Each structure stands twice: as C-alpha cells, then as structure tokens.
C-alpha cells in the first residue's frame, strides 16, 4: 500500500497521507511520493484545486522517529531526508492553482509546515498545531517553518513558537492567523467541499496570477508589486473568463468559467 493516496474528480486532486497506523508520520518514501505527485500536478492542465489531508484521526504527526534516529548516524540519510521535504515544501508553494489543507486532526512538526504551506487551511476543532523541533534537539528552521510562519503570524509570535517548540489549539491558530477557520469534525467535509467547489469553478488564469502576486508580496517593493499587477491584469483582462464574468454579472447569474 502506498504511503500517499491520490484521487481526482472534477478538477480537484486530493493527496492523502496514508500512514494512519503511524499518525501519517513523514517517511522518506512518503516524501518522494509526495514530491513526484506535486511535480506531476504542476504539469496537469486538468487540475484546478489541490486538497492535502491525512488518513485516520491525524493530519500528520511530523517526522518518523525511526528515520530520524537512523539519520543521526548516517550523514547521507540525513541530507536526503531533509532535502526531499524541503523540495516538497517548495513544490507545494509553487503549485499553479489553489491548494487547501483539510486538517482532520493534529498537524505537528513537518506536518504542520505542510499544512501552513497550503493557500487555505481549514481544521477540525480540537486539532493541535505544533512546531516542537527544538524539543527533540532539531533546529526549528525546518521544512519551510522559518519562511512561512513569520509571514502568517508575525516574527514575534513565530520566534516564540519556534524557540520554545510550542503547540497551539486550532482555535488559537485561527486567532494567530495560522489557519483560516476551524469547524466541528462532522462539518469538515461540507466546509472543505464548499470551498473547493467554489475554487474549482473559479477563473483559472485569474486565480493563478493572484497566487503569484501574493506569493511574492512580502518580498517585493511597491514598484515591483505594481509592475506585476500591470502584467497580471493586462493578461487577465484579455481572457475569455472576463467576458463571461461580465456577461454573467449583467445577466444576474453565476459565471461559467472555462479557464485557460
């Protein structure tokens, strides 16, 4: 059985961490499968939304302790294990369409980082978000944590969380800006389904350009940001989706975007 389950329907691709007996801990095998799937998705013209989730009761428990122990005595294993998940995080951030984390339970360590790497994040109440790298002697700067966390919660709170290896509840994570919202467990599928459906029906080019603008927004100066907006809007305004969007608005009906 694969460590990663892949399913697709109506332009929505779901990647499921499939190690429920290990609370979906991150193995090198899972890392390579995930990287391969993300790279293939980036070239898939039929894909419109990515959903990342976990099998069983946990989203992802972070690194597999048995592999961490093995890497301690083998520099090559250490470098490979660290490297593949850094590539996974970059591939996830660079997916050219919206990504949604369906956080069905605890998201810890690298699992937390992968959840935060998605564009939109919805969790069940009671889920915990932990970045306890330093608690077991690992650097808190791992799997994109030092990049993504300050951008979501600010440098002050990120410093506290990473230096102290803190864990927070889903409710606290909403307040910090780590995730967008949390819902009761029996409402998760409906909430994610509604969100994903809306994104899948959206204007593909416009969503891709918006993602690109947001991804670089904190690293660009005003002049660079406005230059990209000039490029993006000039490109978008010439797409068939704009004609359909305006027509639908005037006719007081939902738009039927074809995408490009």
Protein backbone atom coordinates (compact mmCIF):
# COMPACT_ATOMS: atom_id res chain seq x y z
CA UNK A 1 0.00 0.00 0.00
CA UNK A 2 1.31 3.42 -0.97
CA UNK A 3 2.20 5.96 1.72
CA UNK A 4 0.35 8.55 -0.38
CA UNK A 5 -3.17 8.09 -1.73
CA UNK A 6 -4.09 10.13 -4.81
CA UNK A 7 -7.61 10.73 -6.07
CA UNK A 8 -9.10 13.14 -8.59
CA UNK A 9 -12.59 14.24 -9.60
CA UNK A 10 -13.87 17.28 -11.49
CA UNK A 11 -10.50 19.03 -11.45
CA UNK A 12 -9.99 18.52 -7.70
CA UNK A 13 -6.94 16.41 -6.80
CA UNK A 14 -6.69 15.06 -3.26
CA UNK A 15 -3.38 13.89 -1.81
CA UNK A 16 -3.83 11.90 1.40
CA UNK A 17 -1.02 10.98 3.77
CA UNK A 18 -1.73 7.28 4.06
CA UNK A 19 0.08 6.01 7.15
CA UNK A 20 -2.73 6.12 9.72
CA UNK A 21 -1.07 3.47 11.89
CA UNK A 22 1.84 5.92 12.36
CA UNK A 23 -0.40 9.00 12.53
CA UNK A 24 0.81 9.78 8.99
CA UNK A 25 4.39 10.38 10.11
CA UNK A 26 6.66 11.62 7.33
CA UNK A 27 8.90 8.90 5.91
CA UNK A 28 11.41 9.32 3.10
CA UNK A 29 9.18 7.11 0.96
CA UNK A 30 6.22 9.40 1.58
CA UNK A 31 8.40 12.41 0.82
CA UNK A 32 9.48 11.07 -2.57
CA UNK A 33 5.90 10.05 -3.45
CA UNK A 34 4.62 13.46 -2.46
CA UNK A 35 7.29 15.30 -4.43
CA UNK A 36 6.61 13.21 -7.53
CA UNK A 37 2.85 13.81 -7.24
CA UNK A 38 3.25 17.58 -6.81
CA UNK A 39 5.59 17.86 -9.79
CA UNK A 40 3.17 15.90 -11.96
CA UNK A 41 0.27 18.06 -10.80
CA UNK A 42 2.12 21.23 -11.75
CA UNK A 43 2.03 19.99 -15.36
CA UNK A 44 -1.58 18.72 -15.26
CA UNK A 45 -3.83 21.05 -17.24
CA UNK A 46 -6.96 19.36 -15.90
CA UNK A 47 -6.17 20.06 -12.24
CA UNK A 48 -7.82 23.13 -10.73
CA UNK A 49 -7.56 22.63 -6.94
CA UNK A 50 -5.29 20.60 -4.66
CA UNK A 51 -6.54 19.21 -1.34
CA UNK A 52 -3.98 17.93 1.18
CA UNK A 53 -5.22 15.77 4.05
CA UNK A 54 -4.45 12.75 6.24
CA UNK A 55 -5.96 9.31 6.64
CA UNK A 56 -7.38 8.38 10.03
CA UNK A 57 -7.51 10.69 13.02
CA UNK A 58 -4.35 12.75 12.42
CA UNK A 59 -3.36 15.11 9.63
CA UNK A 60 0.34 14.39 10.09
CA UNK A 61 2.46 13.71 13.17
CA UNK A 62 5.67 15.08 11.64
CA UNK A 63 8.92 13.20 11.11
CA UNK A 64 9.07 9.45 11.62
CA UNK A 65 11.20 8.98 14.75
CA UNK A 66 12.71 5.72 13.48
CA UNK A 67 14.06 7.51 10.40
CA UNK A 68 15.28 10.46 12.48
CA UNK A 69 17.26 8.02 14.66
CA UNK A 70 18.70 6.28 11.59
CA UNK A 71 19.70 9.62 10.05
CA UNK A 72 21.57 10.56 13.23
CA UNK A 73 24.27 8.04 12.36
CA UNK A 74 24.23 8.44 8.58
CA UNK A 75 25.01 11.86 7.06
CA UNK A 76 23.75 10.78 3.62
CA UNK A 77 20.39 9.69 5.02
CA UNK A 78 20.20 12.92 6.99
CA UNK A 79 20.80 15.09 3.96
CA UNK A 80 18.40 13.08 1.78
CA UNK A 81 15.63 13.11 4.37
CA UNK A 82 15.90 16.84 4.98
CA UNK A 83 16.35 17.69 1.31
CA UNK A 84 13.37 15.83 -0.10
CA UNK A 85 10.91 17.56 2.22
CA UNK A 86 12.38 20.98 1.51
CA UNK A 87 11.73 20.24 -2.17
CA UNK A 88 8.21 19.10 -1.27
CA UNK A 89 7.51 22.39 0.51
CA UNK A 90 8.79 24.40 -2.45
CA UNK A 91 6.77 22.33 -4.93
CA UNK A 92 3.65 22.79 -2.79
CA UNK A 93 4.11 26.56 -2.65
CA UNK A 94 4.68 26.71 -6.42
CA UNK A 95 1.61 24.70 -7.48
CA UNK A 96 -0.04 27.00 -10.08
CA UNK A 97 -3.58 26.63 -8.71
CA UNK A 98 -5.15 26.95 -5.24
CA UNK A 99 -4.27 24.46 -2.52
CA UNK A 100 -6.41 23.65 0.50
CA UNK A 101 -5.31 21.89 3.69
CA UNK A 102 -8.12 19.70 5.05
CA UNK A 103 -6.74 19.36 8.57
CA UNK A 104 -8.60 16.41 10.04
CA UNK A 105 -6.52 16.17 13.21
CA UNK A 106 -3.17 17.08 14.77
CA UNK A 107 -0.58 18.70 12.49
CA UNK A 108 2.84 18.51 14.11
CA UNK A 109 6.38 19.39 13.01
CA UNK A 110 6.79 18.89 9.29
CA UNK A 111 3.09 18.06 9.05
CA UNK A 112 2.26 21.48 10.46
CA UNK A 113 4.61 23.10 7.93
CA UNK A 114 2.94 21.30 5.02
CA UNK A 115 -0.48 22.42 6.23
CA UNK A 116 0.74 26.02 6.51
CA UNK A 117 2.23 25.75 3.01
CA UNK A 118 -1.26 25.45 1.52
CA UNK A 119 -3.10 28.58 0.40
CA UNK A 120 -6.19 27.96 2.51
CA UNK A 121 -6.39 25.95 5.73
CA UNK A 122 -9.44 24.52 7.49
CA UNK A 123 -9.12 22.38 10.63
CA UNK A 124 -11.35 20.46 12.97
CA UNK A 125 -11.87 21.81 16.46
CA UNK A 126 -9.54 20.11 18.88
CA UNK A 127 -6.73 19.68 16.37
CA UNK A 128 -3.31 20.75 17.64
CA UNK A 129 -0.63 22.58 15.71
CA UNK A 130 2.89 22.01 16.96
CA UNK A 131 6.38 23.01 15.91
CA UNK A 132 8.36 21.14 18.58
CA UNK A 133 11.58 20.70 16.61
CA UNK A 134 13.82 22.13 19.33
CA UNK A 135 12.19 19.91 21.96
CA UNK A 136 13.97 16.90 20.43
CA UNK A 137 17.17 18.71 19.52
CA UNK A 138 16.29 19.64 15.93
CA UNK A 139 16.60 23.14 14.50
CA UNK A 140 13.29 24.97 14.40
CA UNK A 141 14.21 26.11 10.89
CA UNK A 142 12.94 23.06 9.01
CA UNK A 143 10.56 22.24 6.16
CA UNK A 144 9.88 25.89 5.43
CA UNK A 145 8.96 26.82 9.02
CA UNK A 146 11.33 29.79 9.22
CA UNK A 147 9.89 31.08 5.93
CA UNK A 148 6.15 30.54 6.26
CA UNK A 149 5.45 31.03 9.97
CA UNK A 150 6.66 34.66 10.31
CA UNK A 151 4.66 35.51 7.18
CA UNK A 152 1.48 34.15 8.75
CA UNK A 153 1.73 35.10 12.42
CA UNK A 154 4.46 37.76 12.53
CA UNK A 155 8.07 37.50 13.62
CA UNK A 156 7.40 37.97 17.35
CA UNK A 157 4.97 35.07 17.70
CA UNK A 158 6.94 32.90 15.25
CA UNK A 159 10.09 33.42 17.33
CA UNK A 160 8.28 32.31 20.47
CA UNK A 161 6.73 29.28 18.82
CA UNK A 162 9.92 28.04 17.18
CA UNK A 163 12.36 28.75 20.04
CA UNK A 164 10.04 27.21 22.64
CA UNK A 165 8.70 24.40 20.46
CA UNK A 166 5.14 25.41 21.22
CA UNK A 167 1.89 23.63 20.41
CA UNK A 168 -1.38 25.54 19.99
CA UNK A 169 -5.01 24.54 19.51
CA UNK A 170 -6.96 25.03 16.30
CA UNK A 171 -8.94 27.78 17.98
CA UNK A 172 -5.72 29.60 18.93
CA UNK A 173 -4.33 29.04 15.44
CA UNK A 174 -7.33 30.85 13.94
CA UNK A 175 -6.68 33.80 16.22
CA UNK A 176 -2.99 33.87 15.27
CA UNK A 177 -3.71 33.72 11.54
CA UNK A 178 -2.10 30.28 11.13
CA UNK A 179 -5.30 28.82 9.72
CA UNK A 180 -8.45 30.35 8.28
CA UNK A 181 -11.09 28.63 10.37
CA UNK A 182 -11.91 25.59 12.44
CA UNK A 183 -15.15 23.64 12.41
CA UNK A 184 -16.77 20.72 14.18
CA UNK A 185 -15.49 17.35 12.90
CA UNK A 186 -18.80 16.45 11.29
CA UNK A 187 -18.79 19.75 9.37
CA UNK A 188 -15.29 19.45 7.91
CA UNK A 189 -16.20 17.71 4.67
CA UNK A 190 -19.03 20.15 3.92
CA UNK A 191 -16.87 23.17 4.70
CA UNK A 192 -13.95 21.97 2.59
CA UNK A 193 -16.25 20.77 -0.18
CA UNK A 194 -17.97 24.14 -0.48
CA UNK A 195 -14.64 25.97 -0.57
CA UNK A 196 -13.04 23.60 -3.06
CA UNK A 197 -16.11 23.69 -5.30
CA UNK A 198 -16.03 27.46 -5.42
CA UNK A 199 -12.33 27.47 -6.30
CA UNK A 200 -12.75 24.77 -8.96
CA UNK A 201 -15.46 26.83 -10.63
CA UNK A 202 -13.35 29.99 -10.50
CA UNK A 203 -11.40 31.67 -13.31
CA UNK A 204 -8.24 29.61 -13.60
CA UNK A 205 -5.91 32.25 -15.03
CA UNK A 206 -7.07 34.91 -12.56
CA UNK A 207 -6.51 32.57 -9.61
CA UNK A 208 -3.04 31.61 -10.83
CA UNK A 209 -1.99 35.23 -11.28
CA UNK A 210 -3.40 36.15 -7.87
CA UNK A 211 -1.41 33.32 -6.25
CA UNK A 212 1.77 34.54 -7.92
CA UNK A 213 1.19 38.09 -6.73
CA UNK A 214 0.51 37.05 -3.14
CA UNK A 215 3.48 34.65 -3.02
CA UNK A 216 5.91 37.47 -3.74
CA UNK A 217 4.05 40.27 -1.99
CA UNK A 218 6.22 40.42 1.15
CA UNK A 219 9.46 40.29 -0.81
CA UNK A 220 8.66 42.97 -3.39
CA UNK A 221 8.83 46.70 -3.10
CA UNK A 222 5.90 48.85 -4.21
CA UNK A 223 7.30 49.44 -7.69
CA UNK A 224 7.84 45.72 -8.31
CA UNK A 225 4.41 44.82 -6.96
CA UNK A 226 2.67 47.36 -9.19
CA UNK A 227 4.68 46.20 -12.20
CA UNK A 228 3.49 42.65 -11.66
CA UNK A 229 -0.09 43.85 -11.21
CA UNK A 230 0.18 45.68 -14.54
CA UNK A 231 1.35 42.46 -16.20
CA UNK A 232 -1.22 40.25 -14.46
CA UNK A 233 -4.27 42.40 -15.07
CA UNK A 234 -3.31 43.10 -18.69
CA UNK A 235 -3.11 39.34 -19.24
CA UNK A 236 -6.29 38.55 -17.32
CA UNK A 237 -8.43 41.21 -18.96
CA UNK A 238 -7.80 39.59 -22.36
CA UNK A 239 -9.00 36.16 -21.24
CA UNK A 240 -12.40 34.65 -22.19
CA UNK A 241 -13.18 34.39 -18.48
CA UNK A 242 -13.50 38.17 -18.22
CA UNK A 243 -16.12 38.31 -20.97
CA UNK A 244 -18.05 35.51 -19.29
CA UNK A 245 -17.72 37.12 -15.85
CA UNK A 246 -19.03 40.50 -17.01
CA UNK A 247 -21.84 38.90 -19.01
CA UNK A 248 -22.89 36.76 -16.05
CA UNK A 249 -22.90 39.79 -13.76
CA UNK A 250 -25.10 41.76 -16.15
CA UNK A 251 -27.43 38.80 -16.60
CA UNK A 252 -27.56 38.23 -12.83
CA UNK A 253 -26.44 34.60 -13.00
CA UNK A 254 -23.42 32.62 -11.77
CA UNK A 255 -20.49 32.72 -14.20
CA UNK A 256 -19.45 29.58 -16.07
CA UNK A 257 -15.69 29.98 -16.36
CA UNK A 258 -13.92 27.80 -18.87
CA UNK A 259 -10.41 28.54 -17.67
CA UNK A 260 -7.18 28.76 -19.60
